[in-house]
């Protein structure tokens, strides 16, 4: 049976090595991505609000 402490140690070393190989975004790319995510969230929220209003109107519609 292998030592669990060695497994955790090897995992930690592997994670650190992998993070060293990652390419991190620059400040401008990070700002652009953040703005894009915020705009997408706002558009999605507006769509859900609109769909909710339409469905609520259809549910409450009572023909004469």
C-alpha atoms as a PDB file:
ATOM      1  CA  UNK A   1       0.000   0.000   0.000  1.00  0.00           C
ATOM      2  CA  UNK A   2       1.376   3.430  -0.931  1.00  0.00           C
ATOM      3  CA  UNK A   3       1.884   6.295   1.437  1.00  0.00           C
ATOM      4  CA  UNK A   4      -0.997   8.839   1.235  1.00  0.00           C
ATOM      5  CA  UNK A   5       1.326  11.689   2.225  1.00  0.00           C
ATOM      6  CA  UNK A   6       3.502  10.969  -0.824  1.00  0.00           C
ATOM      7  CA  UNK A   7       0.411  11.014  -3.047  1.00  0.00           C
ATOM      8  CA  UNK A   8      -0.625  14.429  -1.729  1.00  0.00           C
ATOM      9  CA  UNK A   9       2.926  15.718  -2.059  1.00  0.00           C
ATOM     10  CA  UNK A  10       3.225  14.489  -5.661  1.00  0.00           C
ATOM     11  CA  UNK A  11      -0.184  15.966  -6.497  1.00  0.00           C
ATOM     12  CA  UNK A  12       0.843  19.354  -5.066  1.00  0.00           C
ATOM     13  CA  UNK A  13       4.114  19.338  -7.012  1.00  0.00           C
ATOM     14  CA  UNK A  14       2.265  18.407 -10.229  1.00  0.00           C
ATOM     15  CA  UNK A  15      -0.258  21.216  -9.714  1.00  0.00           C
ATOM     16  CA  UNK A  16       2.511  23.793  -9.155  1.00  0.00           C
ATOM     17  CA  UNK A  17       4.349  22.622 -12.291  1.00  0.00           C
ATOM     18  CA  UNK A  18       1.169  22.790 -14.366  1.00  0.00           C
ATOM     19  CA  UNK A  19       0.366  26.303 -13.118  1.00  0.00           C
ATOM     20  CA  UNK A  20       3.846  27.448 -14.154  1.00  0.00           C
ATOM     21  CA  UNK A  21       3.021  26.394 -17.738  1.00  0.00           C
ATOM     22  CA  UNK A  22      -0.280  28.296 -17.822  1.00  0.00           C
ATOM     23  CA  UNK A  23      -0.537  31.469 -19.861  1.00  0.00           C
ATOM     24  CA  UNK A  24      -2.305  34.073 -17.751  1.00  0.00           C
ATOM     25  CA  UNK A  25      -4.274  36.875 -19.438  1.00  0.00           C
ATOM     26  CA  UNK A  26      -2.969  40.417 -19.435  1.00  0.00           C
ATOM     27  CA  UNK A  27      -4.833  43.278 -17.792  1.00  0.00           C
ATOM     28  CA  UNK A  28      -6.503  44.481 -21.006  1.00  0.00           C
ATOM     29  CA  UNK A  29      -7.685  40.985 -21.943  1.00  0.00           C
ATOM     30  CA  UNK A  30      -9.006  40.460 -18.426  1.00  0.00           C
ATOM     31  CA  UNK A  31     -10.924  43.761 -18.500  1.00  0.00           C
ATOM     32  CA  UNK A  32     -12.401  42.947 -21.933  1.00  0.00           C
ATOM     33  CA  UNK A  33     -13.488  39.495 -20.791  1.00  0.00           C
ATOM     34  CA  UNK A  34     -15.042  40.895 -17.613  1.00  0.00           C
ATOM     35  CA  UNK A  35     -17.003  43.510 -19.579  1.00  0.00           C
ATOM     36  CA  UNK A  36     -18.199  40.827 -22.005  1.00  0.00           C
ATOM     37  CA  UNK A  37     -19.394  38.622 -19.139  1.00  0.00           C
ATOM     38  CA  UNK A  38     -21.230  41.522 -17.484  1.00  0.00           C
ATOM     39  CA  UNK A  39     -22.948  42.519 -20.739  1.00  0.00           C
ATOM     40  CA  UNK A  40     -23.947  38.906 -21.382  1.00  0.00           C
ATOM     41  CA  UNK A  41     -25.406  38.607 -17.861  1.00  0.00           C
ATOM     42  CA  UNK A  42     -27.391  41.830 -18.297  1.00  0.00           C
ATOM     43  CA  UNK A  43     -28.775  40.722 -21.679  1.00  0.00           C
ATOM     44  CA  UNK A  44     -29.721  37.326 -20.264  1.00  0.00           C
ATOM     45  CA  UNK A  45     -31.423  38.935 -17.260  1.00  0.00           C
ATOM     46  CA  UNK A  46     -33.410  41.241 -19.548  1.00  0.00           C
ATOM     47  CA  UNK A  47     -34.462  38.289 -21.714  1.00  0.00           C
ATOM     48  CA  UNK A  48     -35.607  36.283 -18.687  1.00  0.00           C
ATOM     49  CA  UNK A  49     -37.534  39.307 -17.367  1.00  0.00           C
ATOM     50  CA  UNK A  50     -39.221  39.801 -20.755  1.00  0.00           C
ATOM     51  CA  UNK A  51     -40.096  36.103 -21.063  1.00  0.00           C
ATOM     52  CA  UNK A  52     -41.461  36.114 -17.515  1.00  0.00           C
ATOM     53  CA  UNK A  53     -43.694  39.109 -18.257  1.00  0.00           C
ATOM     54  CA  UNK A  54     -45.014  37.521 -21.480  1.00  0.00           C
ATOM     55  CA  UNK A  55     -45.746  34.207 -19.788  1.00  0.00           C
ATOM     56  CA  UNK A  56     -47.359  35.946 -16.808  1.00  0.00           C
ATOM     57  CA  UNK A  57     -49.619  37.867 -19.187  1.00  0.00           C
ATOM     58  CA  UNK A  58     -50.565  34.660 -21.009  1.00  0.00           C
ATOM     59  CA  UNK A  59     -51.307  32.856 -17.746  1.00  0.00           C
ATOM     60  CA  UNK A  60     -53.491  35.687 -16.443  1.00  0.00           C
ATOM     61  CA  UNK A  61     -55.344  36.150 -19.756  1.00  0.00           C
ATOM     62  CA  UNK A  62     -59.076  35.481 -19.338  1.00  0.00           C
ATOM     63  CA  UNK A  63     -61.147  35.444 -22.535  1.00  0.00           C
ATOM     64  CA  UNK A  64     -64.621  37.001 -22.365  1.00  0.00           C
END
